[in-house]
Amino acid sequence: MLSNYTAKYTKIDYGYMGQLVEWTEVVTEGKTLEECREMLKDALYEMVAAYHQQNEEIPIGNSLLEQIAVEA
């Protein structure tokens, strides 16, 4: 089964932090945004493998995020 997950990237002092919205335990950091993306994909594959090995239920993806503008 193919699932899509929503990645959230945050700029930090030494690069970027990436985390999956639907599966908050999947989190990583990278010096560049591209590095962080690749590391987040790797972390996701590792978590899926670990959950399968432990017969744990994998969180379902496919969330929709949207930004809402507000004048402050």
Protein backbone atom coordinates (compact mmCIF):
# COMPACT_ATOMS: atom_id res chain seq x y z
CA MET A 1 0.00 0.00 0.00
CA LEU A 2 1.34 3.41 -0.96
CA SER A 3 0.92 6.23 1.55
CA ASN A 4 1.94 9.86 1.29
CA TYR A 5 3.25 11.66 4.35
CA THR A 6 3.45 15.37 5.00
CA ALA A 7 6.94 16.67 5.78
CA LYS A 8 7.47 19.81 7.83
CA TYR A 9 10.85 21.54 7.58
CA THR A 10 12.03 24.10 10.10
CA LYS A 11 15.15 26.26 9.71
CA ILE A 12 17.42 25.81 12.72
CA ASP A 13 20.81 27.34 13.62
CA TYR A 14 22.85 24.62 11.95
CA GLY A 15 20.58 23.67 9.02
CA TYR A 16 17.09 22.18 8.90
CA MET A 17 14.95 19.91 11.02
CA GLY A 18 12.47 17.67 9.20
CA GLN A 19 9.52 15.88 10.76
CA LEU A 20 6.49 13.99 9.47
CA VAL A 21 3.21 15.58 10.50
CA GLU A 22 1.30 12.30 10.69
CA TRP A 23 4.13 10.37 12.37
CA THR A 24 5.93 12.77 14.69
CA GLU A 25 8.46 10.15 15.83
CA VAL A 26 10.02 10.37 12.35
CA VAL A 27 12.32 13.36 12.75
CA THR A 28 15.82 14.23 11.55
CA GLU A 29 18.17 17.10 10.83
CA GLY A 30 20.44 18.08 7.95
CA LYS A 31 22.85 20.86 7.04
CA THR A 32 20.87 21.67 3.88
CA LEU A 33 17.22 21.29 2.98
CA GLU A 34 18.08 18.61 0.40
CA GLU A 35 20.16 16.67 2.93
CA CYS A 36 17.34 16.90 5.44
CA ARG A 37 14.82 15.62 2.84
CA GLU A 38 16.98 12.61 2.05
CA MET A 39 17.57 11.85 5.71
CA LEU A 40 13.84 12.14 6.44
CA LYS A 41 13.04 9.65 3.65
CA ASP A 42 15.64 7.28 5.06
CA ALA A 43 14.22 7.68 8.57
CA LEU A 44 10.72 6.94 7.24
CA TYR A 45 11.87 3.73 5.51
CA GLU A 46 13.65 2.63 8.69
CA MET A 47 10.55 3.31 10.84
CA VAL A 48 8.32 1.38 8.43
CA ALA A 49 10.71 -1.58 8.58
CA ALA A 50 10.88 -1.44 12.39
CA TYR A 51 7.08 -1.24 12.73
CA HIS A 52 6.64 -4.19 10.35
CA GLN A 53 9.19 -6.21 12.31
CA GLN A 54 7.35 -5.49 15.58
CA ASN A 55 3.89 -6.00 14.05
CA GLU A 56 2.97 -2.42 14.97
CA GLU A 57 0.32 -0.45 13.10
CA ILE A 58 1.85 2.16 10.80
CA PRO A 59 0.24 5.62 11.04
CA ILE A 60 -1.76 6.51 7.94
CA GLY A 61 -0.55 9.41 5.82
CA ASN A 62 -2.34 11.57 3.28
CA SER A 63 -2.97 14.65 5.42
CA LEU A 64 -3.69 17.98 3.82
CA LEU A 65 -2.00 21.09 5.16
CA GLU A 66 -2.69 24.61 4.05
CA GLN A 67 -1.42 27.98 5.13
CA ILE A 68 -3.82 30.67 6.24
CA ALA A 69 -2.65 34.25 5.92
CA VAL A 70 -3.40 36.79 8.62
CA GLU A 71 -2.29 40.39 8.88
CA ALA A 72 -0.69 40.94 12.27
